[in-house]
Structures are given as structure tokens and as C-alpha cells.
């Protein structure tokens, strides 16, 4: 996610949306562990950053993870 760290909030939002869709696809393919691992890694990368945008995105990722369990 190095490139996204230098990008603005719109790029981060797009990345989160893309990876969330991938995770839902993995879940639909009965690969829930892979989906949750992907979202956990994304959440951890976002949580290491500062800013209101990343805090909001972390909350969105965590909500999605909750729906997948």
C-alpha cells in the first residue's frame, strides 16, 4: 500500500472499496479465511496511518469484517 500512502483520500477510498469487493468475492467462493486475512491486513495498514480519512476507512473495514463472520 505504499503508493496509496502518498495518494490522497480518494485513492485510499478506492483501494478499500476494491479490496472489500475482492474479499466478498473470496467469501462467495467459500474462502472466508482468505477474505478475513485480506481485510485484516488492510485494516492494519490503514490503522498505522494518521488522519480522519484512515480512521473512517478502518471503521468501514472492521464493519465489513463483522458482517463476514
PDB file of N, CA and C in Angstrom:
ATOM      1  N   UNK A   1       0.818  -1.185   0.000  1.00  0.00           N
ATOM      2  CA  UNK A   1       0.000   0.000   0.000  1.00  0.00           C
ATOM      3  C   UNK A   1       0.863   1.250   0.000  1.00  0.00           C
ATOM      4  N   UNK A   2       2.105   1.138  -0.319  1.00  0.00           N
ATOM      5  CA  UNK A   2       2.995   2.294  -0.313  1.00  0.00           C
ATOM      6  C   UNK A   2       2.498   3.412  -1.204  1.00  0.00           C
ATOM      7  N   UNK A   3       2.083   3.083  -2.415  1.00  0.00           N
ATOM      8  CA  UNK A   3       1.593   4.107  -3.323  1.00  0.00           C
ATOM      9  C   UNK A   3       0.367   4.811  -2.774  1.00  0.00           C
ATOM     10  N   UNK A   4      -0.500   4.073  -2.123  1.00  0.00           N
ATOM     11  CA  UNK A   4      -1.722   4.655  -1.570  1.00  0.00           C
ATOM     12  C   UNK A   4      -1.406   5.596  -0.411  1.00  0.00           C
ATOM     13  N   UNK A   5      -0.314   5.352   0.286  1.00  0.00           N
ATOM     14  CA  UNK A   5       0.042   6.232   1.395  1.00  0.00           C
ATOM     15  C   UNK A   5       0.370   7.628   0.906  1.00  0.00           C
ATOM     16  N   UNK A   6       0.923   7.719  -0.285  1.00  0.00           N
ATOM     17  CA  UNK A   6       1.264   9.020  -0.839  1.00  0.00           C
ATOM     18  C   UNK A   6       0.079   9.642  -1.574  1.00  0.00           C
ATOM     19  N   UNK A   7      -0.910   8.850  -1.844  1.00  0.00           N
ATOM     20  CA  UNK A   7      -2.070   9.333  -2.575  1.00  0.00           C
ATOM     21  C   UNK A   7      -3.053  10.000  -1.620  1.00  0.00           C
ATOM     22  N   UNK A   8      -4.007  10.669  -2.190  1.00  0.00           N
ATOM     23  CA  UNK A   8      -4.992  11.365  -1.384  1.00  0.00           C
ATOM     24  C   UNK A   8      -6.085  10.453  -0.868  1.00  0.00           C
ATOM     25  N   UNK A   9      -7.026  11.037  -0.150  1.00  0.00           N
ATOM     26  CA  UNK A   9      -8.120  10.268   0.446  1.00  0.00           C
ATOM     27  C   UNK A   9      -8.955   9.501  -0.580  1.00  0.00           C
ATOM     28  N   UNK A  10      -9.120  10.069  -1.784  1.00  0.00           N
ATOM     29  CA  UNK A  10      -9.918   9.376  -2.799  1.00  0.00           C
ATOM     30  C   UNK A  10      -9.260   8.072  -3.225  1.00  0.00           C
ATOM     31  N   UNK A  11      -7.929   8.087  -3.321  1.00  0.00           N
ATOM     32  CA  UNK A  11      -7.212   6.863  -3.704  1.00  0.00           C
ATOM     33  C   UNK A  11      -7.333   5.809  -2.609  1.00  0.00           C
ATOM     34  N   UNK A  12      -7.242   6.229  -1.360  1.00  0.00           N
ATOM     35  CA  UNK A  12      -7.402   5.279  -0.251  1.00  0.00           C
ATOM     36  C   UNK A  12      -8.798   4.683  -0.257  1.00  0.00           C
ATOM     37  N   UNK A  13      -9.788   5.522  -0.471  1.00  0.00           N
ATOM     38  CA  UNK A  13     -11.172   5.053  -0.502  1.00  0.00           C
ATOM     39  C   UNK A  13     -11.370   4.052  -1.638  1.00  0.00           C
ATOM     40  N   UNK A  14     -10.813   4.348  -2.795  1.00  0.00           N
ATOM     41  CA  UNK A  14     -10.931   3.438  -3.937  1.00  0.00           C
ATOM     42  C   UNK A  14     -10.256   2.105  -3.640  1.00  0.00           C
ATOM     43  N   UNK A  15      -9.090   2.144  -3.005  1.00  0.00           N
ATOM     44  CA  UNK A  15      -8.368   0.909  -2.663  1.00  0.00           C
ATOM     45  C   UNK A  15      -9.181   0.063  -1.686  1.00  0.00           C
ATOM     46  N   UNK A  16      -9.759   0.722  -0.684  1.00  0.00           N
ATOM     47  CA  UNK A  16     -10.567  -0.011   0.300  1.00  0.00           C
ATOM     48  C   UNK A  16     -11.777  -0.635  -0.378  1.00  0.00           C
ATOM     49  N   UNK A  17     -12.442   0.100  -1.230  1.00  0.00           N
ATOM     50  CA  UNK A  17     -13.611  -0.444  -1.932  1.00  0.00           C
ATOM     51  C   UNK A  17     -13.227  -1.642  -2.804  1.00  0.00           C
ATOM     52  N   UNK A  18     -12.114  -1.523  -3.509  1.00  0.00           N
ATOM     53  CA  UNK A  18     -11.655  -2.606  -4.371  1.00  0.00           C
ATOM     54  C   UNK A  18     -11.340  -3.867  -3.555  1.00  0.00           C
ATOM     55  N   UNK A  19     -10.560  -3.708  -2.496  1.00  0.00           N
ATOM     56  CA  UNK A  19     -10.179  -4.872  -1.698  1.00  0.00           C
ATOM     57  C   UNK A  19     -11.364  -5.457  -0.931  1.00  0.00           C
ATOM     58  N   UNK A  20     -12.322  -4.626  -0.589  1.00  0.00           N
ATOM     59  CA  UNK A  20     -13.537  -5.124   0.051  1.00  0.00           C
ATOM     60  C   UNK A  20     -14.333  -5.986  -0.924  1.00  0.00           C
ATOM     61  N   UNK A  21     -14.422  -5.542  -2.167  1.00  0.00           N
ATOM     62  CA  UNK A  21     -15.126  -6.348  -3.176  1.00  0.00           C
ATOM     63  C   UNK A  21     -14.422  -7.679  -3.410  1.00  0.00           C
ATOM     64  N   UNK A  22     -13.090  -7.637  -3.446  1.00  0.00           N
ATOM     65  CA  UNK A  22     -12.329  -8.876  -3.609  1.00  0.00           C
ATOM     66  C   UNK A  22     -12.610  -9.820  -2.438  1.00  0.00           C
ATOM     67  N   UNK A  23     -12.638  -9.277  -1.233  1.00  0.00           N
ATOM     68  CA  UNK A  23     -12.897 -10.104  -0.047  1.00  0.00           C
ATOM     69  C   UNK A  23     -14.293 -10.723  -0.118  1.00  0.00           C
ATOM     70  N   UNK A  24     -15.296  -9.958  -0.539  1.00  0.00           N
ATOM     71  CA  UNK A  24     -16.641 -10.530  -0.673  1.00  0.00           C
ATOM     72  C   UNK A  24     -16.658 -11.630  -1.731  1.00  0.00           C
ATOM     73  N   UNK A  25     -15.893 -11.442  -2.804  1.00  0.00           N
ATOM     74  CA  UNK A  25     -15.810 -12.486  -3.835  1.00  0.00           C
ATOM     75  C   UNK A  25     -15.170 -13.749  -3.270  1.00  0.00           C
ATOM     76  N   UNK A  26     -14.117 -13.567  -2.482  1.00  0.00           N
ATOM     77  CA  UNK A  26     -13.482 -14.723  -1.849  1.00  0.00           C
ATOM     78  C   UNK A  26     -14.468 -15.447  -0.933  1.00  0.00           C
ATOM     79  N   UNK A  27     -15.218 -14.695  -0.196  1.00  0.00           N
ATOM     80  CA  UNK A  27     -16.213 -15.311   0.694  1.00  0.00           C
ATOM     81  C   UNK A  27     -17.249 -16.086  -0.112  1.00  0.00           C
ATOM     82  N   UNK A  28     -17.675 -15.509  -1.230  1.00  0.00           N
ATOM     83  CA  UNK A  28     -18.659 -16.189  -2.084  1.00  0.00           C
ATOM     84  C   UNK A  28     -18.104 -17.494  -2.653  1.00  0.00           C
ATOM     85  N   UNK A  29     -16.793 -17.553  -2.789  1.00  0.00           N
ATOM     86  CA  UNK A  29     -16.135 -18.767  -3.279  1.00  0.00           C
ATOM     87  C   UNK A  29     -15.783 -19.715  -2.135  1.00  0.00           C
ATOM     88  N   UNK A  30     -16.364 -19.465  -0.971  1.00  0.00           N
ATOM     89  CA  UNK A  30     -16.169 -20.298   0.211  1.00  0.00           C
ATOM     90  C   UNK A  30     -14.727 -20.245   0.726  1.00  0.00           C
ATOM     91  N   UNK A  31     -14.114 -19.053   0.599  1.00  0.00           N
ATOM     92  CA  UNK A  31     -12.757 -18.838   1.105  1.00  0.00           C
ATOM     93  C   UNK A  31     -12.777 -17.709   2.138  1.00  0.00           C
ATOM     94  N   UNK A  32     -13.583 -17.909   3.165  1.00  0.00           N
ATOM     95  CA  UNK A  32     -13.770 -16.884   4.180  1.00  0.00           C
ATOM     96  C   UNK A  32     -12.472 -16.544   4.909  1.00  0.00           C
ATOM     97  N   UNK A  33     -11.642 -17.539   5.174  1.00  0.00           N
ATOM     98  CA  UNK A  33     -10.372 -17.269   5.866  1.00  0.00           C
ATOM     99  C   UNK A  33      -9.500 -16.320   5.057  1.00  0.00           C
ATOM    100  N   UNK A  34      -9.448 -16.522   3.748  1.00  0.00           N
ATOM    101  CA  UNK A  34      -8.662 -15.642   2.878  1.00  0.00           C
ATOM    102  C   UNK A  34      -9.257 -14.235   2.858  1.00  0.00           C
ATOM    103  N   UNK A  35     -10.573 -14.154   2.829  1.00  0.00           N
ATOM    104  CA  UNK A  35     -11.242 -12.850   2.820  1.00  0.00           C
ATOM    105  C   UNK A  35     -10.936 -12.075   4.097  1.00  0.00           C
ATOM    106  N   UNK A  36     -11.054 -12.749   5.232  1.00  0.00           N
ATOM    107  CA  UNK A  36     -10.781 -12.080   6.503  1.00  0.00           C
ATOM    108  C   UNK A  36      -9.307 -11.721   6.646  1.00  0.00           C
ATOM    109  N   UNK A  37      -8.428 -12.552   6.134  1.00  0.00           N
ATOM    110  CA  UNK A  37      -6.992 -12.240   6.183  1.00  0.00           C
ATOM    111  C   UNK A  37      -6.686 -11.007   5.348  1.00  0.00           C
ATOM    112  N   UNK A  38      -7.301 -10.898   4.186  1.00  0.00           N
ATOM    113  CA  UNK A  38      -7.110  -9.734   3.318  1.00  0.00           C
ATOM    114  C   UNK A  38      -7.580  -8.461   4.022  1.00  0.00           C
ATOM    115  N   UNK A  39      -8.751  -8.529   4.627  1.00  0.00           N
ATOM    116  CA  UNK A  39      -9.298  -7.353   5.299  1.00  0.00           C
ATOM    117  C   UNK A  39      -8.514  -7.008   6.568  1.00  0.00           C
ATOM    118  N   UNK A  40      -8.030  -8.009   7.264  1.00  0.00           N
ATOM    119  CA  UNK A  40      -7.218  -7.762   8.455  1.00  0.00           C
ATOM    120  C   UNK A  40      -5.930  -7.040   8.076  1.00  0.00           C
ATOM    121  N   UNK A  41      -5.292  -7.481   7.014  1.00  0.00           N
ATOM    122  CA  UNK A  41      -4.062  -6.824   6.555  1.00  0.00           C
ATOM    123  C   UNK A  41      -4.340  -5.380   6.133  1.00  0.00           C
ATOM    124  N   UNK A  42      -5.443  -5.176   5.439  1.00  0.00           N
ATOM    125  CA  UNK A  42      -5.818  -3.826   5.019  1.00  0.00           C
ATOM    126  C   UNK A  42      -6.090  -2.941   6.226  1.00  0.00           C
ATOM    127  N   UNK A  43      -6.846  -3.464   7.184  1.00  0.00           N
ATOM    128  CA  UNK A  43      -7.141  -2.699   8.398  1.00  0.00           C
ATOM    129  C   UNK A  43      -5.865  -2.320   9.135  1.00  0.00           C
ATOM    130  N   UNK A  44      -4.951  -3.259   9.261  1.00  0.00           N
ATOM    131  CA  UNK A  44      -3.708  -2.995   9.978  1.00  0.00           C
ATOM    132  C   UNK A  44      -2.862  -1.940   9.269  1.00  0.00           C
ATOM    133  N   UNK A  45      -2.809  -1.992   7.943  1.00  0.00           N
ATOM    134  CA  UNK A  45      -2.061  -0.975   7.189  1.00  0.00           C
ATOM    135  C   UNK A  45      -2.687   0.399   7.359  1.00  0.00           C
ATOM    136  N   UNK A  46      -4.000   0.460   7.295  1.00  0.00           N
ATOM    137  CA  UNK A  46      -4.686   1.747   7.458  1.00  0.00           C
ATOM    138  C   UNK A  46      -4.520   2.282   8.878  1.00  0.00           C
ATOM    139  N   UNK A  47      -4.605   1.396   9.856  1.00  0.00           N
ATOM    140  CA  UNK A  47      -4.508   1.810  11.259  1.00  0.00           C
ATOM    141  C   UNK A  47      -3.138   2.399  11.586  1.00  0.00           C
ATOM    142  N   UNK A  48      -2.121   2.031  10.822  1.00  0.00           N
ATOM    143  CA  UNK A  48      -0.770   2.544  11.057  1.00  0.00           C
ATOM    144  C   UNK A  48      -0.612   3.976  10.544  1.00  0.00           C
ATOM    145  N   UNK A  49      -1.596   4.460   9.824  1.00  0.00           N
ATOM    146  CA  UNK A  49      -1.539   5.810   9.265  1.00  0.00           C
ATOM    147  C   UNK A  49      -2.343   6.770  10.135  1.00  0.00           C
ATOM    148  N   UNK A  50      -2.070   8.035   9.951  1.00  0.00           N
ATOM    149  CA  UNK A  50      -2.791   9.060  10.703  1.00  0.00           C
ATOM    150  C   UNK A  50      -3.807   9.741   9.802  1.00  0.00           C
ATOM    151  N   UNK A  51      -4.800  10.331  10.423  1.00  0.00           N
ATOM    152  CA  UNK A  51      -5.765  11.127   9.684  1.00  0.00           C
ATOM    153  C   UNK A  51      -7.188  10.636   9.847  1.00  0.00           C
ATOM    154  N   UNK A  52      -8.089  11.562   9.653  1.00  0.00           N
ATOM    155  CA  UNK A  52      -9.517  11.262   9.789  1.00  0.00           C
ATOM    156  C   UNK A  52      -9.980  10.264   8.732  1.00  0.00           C
ATOM    157  N   UNK A  53      -9.488  10.418   7.507  1.00  0.00           N
ATOM    158  CA  UNK A  53      -9.896   9.518   6.431  1.00  0.00           C
ATOM    159  C   UNK A  53      -9.546   8.081   6.763  1.00  0.00           C
ATOM    160  N   UNK A  54      -8.335   7.855   7.241  1.00  0.00           N
ATOM    161  CA  UNK A  54      -7.950   6.482   7.548  1.00  0.00           C
ATOM    162  C   UNK A  54      -8.741   5.930   8.729  1.00  0.00           C
ATOM    163  N   UNK A  55      -9.077   6.768   9.694  1.00  0.00           N
ATOM    164  CA  UNK A  55      -9.896   6.294  10.822  1.00  0.00           C
ATOM    165  C   UNK A  55     -11.273   5.842  10.333  1.00  0.00           C
ATOM    166  N   UNK A  56     -11.853   6.602   9.431  1.00  0.00           N
ATOM    167  CA  UNK A  56     -13.161   6.238   8.884  1.00  0.00           C
ATOM    168  C   UNK A  56     -13.061   4.943   8.085  1.00  0.00           C
ATOM    169  N   UNK A  57     -12.011   4.823   7.287  1.00  0.00           N
ATOM    170  CA  UNK A  57     -11.843   3.614   6.477  1.00  0.00           C
ATOM    171  C   UNK A  57     -11.585   2.385   7.340  1.00  0.00           C
ATOM    172  N   UNK A  58     -10.839   2.539   8.417  1.00  0.00           N
ATOM    173  CA  UNK A  58     -10.622   1.420   9.347  1.00  0.00           C
ATOM    174  C   UNK A  58     -11.967   0.954   9.896  1.00  0.00           C
ATOM    175  N   UNK A  59     -12.809   1.888  10.278  1.00  0.00           N
ATOM    176  CA  UNK A  59     -14.128   1.531  10.804  1.00  0.00           C
ATOM    177  C   UNK A  59     -14.957   0.795   9.749  1.00  0.00           C
ATOM    178  N   UNK A  60     -14.880   1.227   8.503  1.00  0.00           N
ATOM    179  CA  UNK A  60     -15.621   0.554   7.429  1.00  0.00           C
ATOM    180  C   UNK A  60     -15.123  -0.880   7.233  1.00  0.00           C
ATOM    181  N   UNK A  61     -13.810  -1.046   7.238  1.00  0.00           N
ATOM    182  CA  UNK A  61     -13.235  -2.378   7.063  1.00  0.00           C
ATOM    183  C   UNK A  61     -13.640  -3.277   8.230  1.00  0.00           C
ATOM    184  N   UNK A  62     -13.599  -2.754   9.441  1.00  0.00           N
ATOM    185  CA  UNK A  62     -13.987  -3.550  10.603  1.00  0.00           C
ATOM    186  C   UNK A  62     -15.466  -3.934  10.550  1.00  0.00           C
ATOM    187  N   UNK A  63     -16.305  -3.055  10.070  1.00  0.00           N
ATOM    188  CA  UNK A  63     -17.734  -3.359   9.922  1.00  0.00           C
ATOM    189  C   UNK A  63     -17.921  -4.487   8.912  1.00  0.00           C
ATOM    190  N   UNK A  64     -17.206  -4.401   7.805  1.00  0.00           N
ATOM    191  CA  UNK A  64     -17.283  -5.458   6.795  1.00  0.00           C
ATOM    192  C   UNK A  64     -16.827  -6.788   7.368  1.00  0.00           C
ATOM    193  N   UNK A  65     -15.744  -6.755   8.107  1.00  0.00           N
ATOM    194  CA  UNK A  65     -15.254  -7.994   8.740  1.00  0.00           C
ATOM    195  C   UNK A  65     -16.301  -8.580   9.666  1.00  0.00           C
ATOM    196  N   UNK A  66     -16.997  -7.742  10.404  1.00  0.00           N
ATOM    197  CA  UNK A  66     -18.052  -8.205  11.297  1.00  0.00           C
ATOM    198  C   UNK A  66     -19.180  -8.881  10.544  1.00  0.00           C
ATOM    199  N   UNK A  67     -19.510  -8.369   9.369  1.00  0.00           N
ATOM    200  CA  UNK A  67     -20.568  -8.969   8.553  1.00  0.00           C
ATOM    201  C   UNK A  67     -20.153 -10.308   7.971  1.00  0.00           C
ATOM    202  N   UNK A  68     -18.852 -10.500   7.804  1.00  0.00           N
ATOM    203  CA  UNK A  68     -18.362 -11.748   7.203  1.00  0.00           C
ATOM    204  C   UNK A  68     -18.276 -12.882   8.203  1.00  0.00           C
ATOM    205  N   UNK A  69     -18.272 -12.558   9.472  1.00  0.00           N
ATOM    206  CA  UNK A  69     -18.103 -13.614  10.496  1.00  0.00           C
ATOM    207  C   UNK A  69     -19.390 -14.338  10.747  1.00  0.00           C
TER     208      UNK A  69
END
